[in-house]
Amino acid sequence: METQFEKVPSNVQEMPERAEETLQAARERLNETLAGINEHARTVARYADETVHANPWRSIGIGFGVGVLIGALATLAATRR
């Protein structure tokens, strides 16, 4: 007498193994992508740090301008409601 498992076609029995391989490959690819993003973020942060140290007053002015712009937009959005 055949069991339920023996009635299943062989390609279906291999699916869990293939799923595990696919999952492992996806994890490896995700880890590589995250490592690349992490390295890029460090490079950008290093550049920003060097730029701010080279131009402190300009950086303060830009930060102030961006803050005023965001504040104005937030005030405008709040008064329209």
N, C-alpha and C. Protein backbone atom coordinates (compact mmCIF):
# COMPACT_ATOMS: atom_id res chain seq x y z
N MET A 1 0.83 -1.17 0.00
CA MET A 1 0.00 0.00 0.00
C MET A 1 0.89 1.25 0.00
N GLU A 2 0.60 2.24 -0.90
CA GLU A 2 1.40 3.45 -1.01
C GLU A 2 0.96 4.46 0.04
N THR A 3 1.94 5.18 0.55
CA THR A 3 1.62 6.26 1.48
C THR A 3 1.33 7.55 0.70
N GLN A 4 0.80 8.53 1.36
CA GLN A 4 0.52 9.82 0.72
C GLN A 4 1.79 10.40 0.12
N PHE A 5 2.90 10.28 0.83
CA PHE A 5 4.17 10.87 0.39
C PHE A 5 4.66 10.22 -0.89
N GLU A 6 4.46 8.94 -1.04
CA GLU A 6 4.93 8.23 -2.22
C GLU A 6 4.09 8.57 -3.46
N LYS A 7 2.87 9.03 -3.27
CA LYS A 7 2.02 9.40 -4.39
C LYS A 7 2.37 10.77 -4.97
N VAL A 8 3.09 11.57 -4.21
CA VAL A 8 3.43 12.92 -4.65
C VAL A 8 4.52 12.82 -5.71
N PRO A 9 4.37 13.56 -6.82
CA PRO A 9 5.40 13.53 -7.85
C PRO A 9 6.74 13.98 -7.29
N SER A 10 7.82 13.49 -7.88
CA SER A 10 9.15 13.76 -7.34
C SER A 10 9.50 15.25 -7.35
N ASN A 11 9.04 15.99 -8.35
CA ASN A 11 9.39 17.41 -8.38
C ASN A 11 8.76 18.18 -7.22
N VAL A 12 7.64 17.73 -6.71
CA VAL A 12 7.00 18.37 -5.57
C VAL A 12 7.77 18.03 -4.29
N GLN A 13 8.29 16.81 -4.21
CA GLN A 13 9.08 16.42 -3.04
C GLN A 13 10.36 17.24 -2.96
N GLU A 14 10.88 17.68 -4.08
CA GLU A 14 12.12 18.46 -4.09
C GLU A 14 11.86 19.93 -3.77
N MET A 15 10.63 20.36 -3.77
CA MET A 15 10.32 21.78 -3.57
C MET A 15 10.85 22.32 -2.25
N PRO A 16 10.69 21.65 -1.11
CA PRO A 16 11.24 22.21 0.13
C PRO A 16 12.75 22.41 0.05
N GLU A 17 13.45 21.48 -0.60
CA GLU A 17 14.90 21.62 -0.74
C GLU A 17 15.23 22.84 -1.62
N ARG A 18 14.50 22.99 -2.72
CA ARG A 18 14.72 24.15 -3.60
C ARG A 18 14.35 25.44 -2.89
N ALA A 19 13.29 25.40 -2.09
CA ALA A 19 12.88 26.60 -1.36
C ALA A 19 13.97 27.01 -0.38
N GLU A 20 14.58 26.05 0.27
CA GLU A 20 15.67 26.35 1.21
C GLU A 20 16.86 26.96 0.48
N GLU A 21 17.19 26.41 -0.69
CA GLU A 21 18.29 26.95 -1.48
C GLU A 21 17.96 28.37 -1.95
N THR A 22 16.73 28.59 -2.37
CA THR A 22 16.32 29.91 -2.84
C THR A 22 16.35 30.91 -1.69
N LEU A 23 15.88 30.48 -0.52
CA LEU A 23 15.90 31.35 0.64
C LEU A 23 17.33 31.71 1.03
N GLN A 24 18.21 30.73 1.01
CA GLN A 24 19.62 30.98 1.34
C GLN A 24 20.25 31.94 0.35
N ALA A 25 19.96 31.76 -0.94
CA ALA A 25 20.49 32.66 -1.96
C ALA A 25 19.95 34.08 -1.77
N ALA A 26 18.67 34.18 -1.41
CA ALA A 26 18.07 35.51 -1.17
C ALA A 26 18.72 36.17 0.04
N ARG A 27 18.98 35.40 1.08
CA ARG A 27 19.65 35.95 2.28
C ARG A 27 21.04 36.47 1.93
N GLU A 28 21.78 35.69 1.16
CA GLU A 28 23.13 36.10 0.78
C GLU A 28 23.08 37.37 -0.05
N ARG A 29 22.15 37.44 -0.99
CA ARG A 29 22.03 38.62 -1.84
C ARG A 29 21.63 39.84 -1.00
N LEU A 30 20.71 39.65 -0.06
CA LEU A 30 20.29 40.74 0.82
C LEU A 30 21.46 41.22 1.67
N ASN A 31 22.24 40.30 2.21
CA ASN A 31 23.39 40.68 3.02
C ASN A 31 24.42 41.46 2.19
N GLU A 32 24.64 41.04 0.95
CA GLU A 32 25.57 41.76 0.07
C GLU A 32 25.04 43.16 -0.23
N THR A 33 23.75 43.26 -0.48
CA THR A 33 23.14 44.56 -0.77
C THR A 33 23.24 45.48 0.44
N LEU A 34 22.93 44.94 1.62
CA LEU A 34 23.00 45.75 2.84
C LEU A 34 24.43 46.19 3.13
N ALA A 35 25.40 45.33 2.86
CA ALA A 35 26.81 45.70 3.06
C ALA A 35 27.19 46.84 2.12
N GLY A 36 26.72 46.78 0.88
CA GLY A 36 27.00 47.85 -0.07
C GLY A 36 26.35 49.16 0.35
N ILE A 37 25.11 49.08 0.80
CA ILE A 37 24.40 50.28 1.27
C ILE A 37 25.10 50.86 2.49
N ASN A 38 25.52 50.00 3.39
CA ASN A 38 26.21 50.43 4.60
C ASN A 38 27.51 51.16 4.24
N GLU A 39 28.26 50.61 3.32
CA GLU A 39 29.52 51.23 2.90
C GLU A 39 29.26 52.57 2.24
N HIS A 40 28.23 52.64 1.39
CA HIS A 40 27.90 53.90 0.73
C HIS A 40 27.47 54.95 1.76
N ALA A 41 26.68 54.55 2.74
CA ALA A 41 26.23 55.47 3.78
C ALA A 41 27.42 56.00 4.58
N ARG A 42 28.38 55.15 4.87
CA ARG A 42 29.58 55.60 5.59
C ARG A 42 30.37 56.60 4.76
N THR A 43 30.47 56.35 3.45
CA THR A 43 31.19 57.27 2.57
C THR A 43 30.50 58.63 2.54
N VAL A 44 29.17 58.63 2.41
CA VAL A 44 28.41 59.88 2.38
C VAL A 44 28.54 60.61 3.72
N ALA A 45 28.46 59.89 4.81
CA ALA A 45 28.59 60.51 6.13
C ALA A 45 29.98 61.11 6.32
N ARG A 46 31.00 60.40 5.87
CA ARG A 46 32.38 60.90 5.96
C ARG A 46 32.52 62.19 5.14
N TYR A 47 31.95 62.20 3.92
CA TYR A 47 32.00 63.39 3.08
C TYR A 47 31.28 64.57 3.74
N ALA A 48 30.09 64.31 4.29
CA ALA A 48 29.33 65.37 4.96
C ALA A 48 30.10 65.92 6.15
N ASP A 49 30.72 65.05 6.92
CA ASP A 49 31.50 65.47 8.08
C ASP A 49 32.66 66.36 7.66
N GLU A 50 33.38 65.95 6.62
CA GLU A 50 34.51 66.74 6.13
C GLU A 50 34.04 68.09 5.59
N THR A 51 32.91 68.11 4.88
CA THR A 51 32.39 69.35 4.33
C THR A 51 31.96 70.31 5.43
N VAL A 52 31.30 69.80 6.45
CA VAL A 52 30.86 70.66 7.56
C VAL A 52 32.08 71.21 8.30
N HIS A 53 33.10 70.40 8.50
CA HIS A 53 34.30 70.88 9.18
C HIS A 53 35.05 71.91 8.33
N ALA A 54 35.01 71.77 7.03
CA ALA A 54 35.70 72.72 6.15
C ALA A 54 34.92 74.03 6.01
N ASN A 55 33.61 73.98 6.14
CA ASN A 55 32.75 75.16 5.95
C ASN A 55 31.71 75.26 7.07
N PRO A 56 32.13 75.53 8.30
CA PRO A 56 31.15 75.48 9.39
C PRO A 56 30.07 76.55 9.29
N TRP A 57 30.40 77.77 8.94
CA TRP A 57 29.40 78.84 8.89
C TRP A 57 28.43 78.62 7.74
N ARG A 58 28.92 78.16 6.63
CA ARG A 58 28.03 77.86 5.51
C ARG A 58 27.06 76.75 5.90
N SER A 59 27.56 75.74 6.61
CA SER A 59 26.71 74.63 7.05
C SER A 59 25.64 75.11 8.02
N ILE A 60 26.02 76.01 8.92
CA ILE A 60 25.04 76.57 9.86
C ILE A 60 23.97 77.35 9.10
N GLY A 61 24.39 78.15 8.12
CA GLY A 61 23.44 78.93 7.32
C GLY A 61 22.48 78.04 6.55
N ILE A 62 23.01 76.98 5.95
CA ILE A 62 22.15 76.05 5.20
C ILE A 62 21.17 75.37 6.14
N GLY A 63 21.65 74.92 7.29
CA GLY A 63 20.77 74.29 8.28
C GLY A 63 19.68 75.23 8.74
N PHE A 64 20.04 76.49 8.97
CA PHE A 64 19.06 77.48 9.38
C PHE A 64 18.02 77.70 8.28
N GLY A 65 18.47 77.83 7.05
CA GLY A 65 17.56 78.03 5.92
C GLY A 65 16.60 76.87 5.73
N VAL A 66 17.12 75.66 5.85
CA VAL A 66 16.26 74.48 5.71
C VAL A 66 15.25 74.44 6.85
N GLY A 67 15.68 74.79 8.05
CA GLY A 67 14.76 74.81 9.19
C GLY A 67 13.65 75.82 9.02
N VAL A 68 14.00 77.02 8.51
CA VAL A 68 12.98 78.05 8.26
C VAL A 68 12.00 77.57 7.20
N LEU A 69 12.52 76.96 6.13
CA LEU A 69 11.66 76.47 5.06
C LEU A 69 10.69 75.39 5.58
N ILE A 70 11.20 74.45 6.34
CA ILE A 70 10.34 73.39 6.89
C ILE A 70 9.32 73.99 7.85
N GLY A 71 9.74 74.94 8.68
CA GLY A 71 8.80 75.60 9.60
C GLY A 71 7.71 76.34 8.85
N ALA A 72 8.09 77.04 7.77
CA ALA A 72 7.09 77.77 6.99
C ALA A 72 6.10 76.81 6.33
N LEU A 73 6.61 75.72 5.80
CA LEU A 73 5.72 74.73 5.17
C LEU A 73 4.79 74.08 6.20
N ALA A 74 5.32 73.79 7.38
CA ALA A 74 4.50 73.19 8.43
C ALA A 74 3.42 74.16 8.89
N THR A 75 3.78 75.45 9.01
CA THR A 75 2.80 76.46 9.41
C THR A 75 1.73 76.63 8.35
N LEU A 76 2.14 76.66 7.09
CA LEU A 76 1.21 76.77 5.99
C LEU A 76 0.24 75.59 5.97
N ALA A 77 0.78 74.38 6.17
CA ALA A 77 -0.07 73.18 6.17
C ALA A 77 -1.04 73.21 7.36
N ALA A 78 -0.60 73.71 8.51
CA ALA A 78 -1.46 73.73 9.69
C ALA A 78 -2.57 74.77 9.55
N THR A 79 -2.29 75.89 8.88
CA THR A 79 -3.31 76.92 8.76
C THR A 79 -4.34 76.61 7.69
N ARG A 80 -4.02 75.73 6.78
CA ARG A 80 -4.96 75.34 5.72
C ARG A 80 -6.02 74.36 6.22
N ARG A 81 -5.83 73.76 7.32
CA ARG A 81 -6.78 72.75 7.82
C ARG A 81 -7.92 73.38 8.49
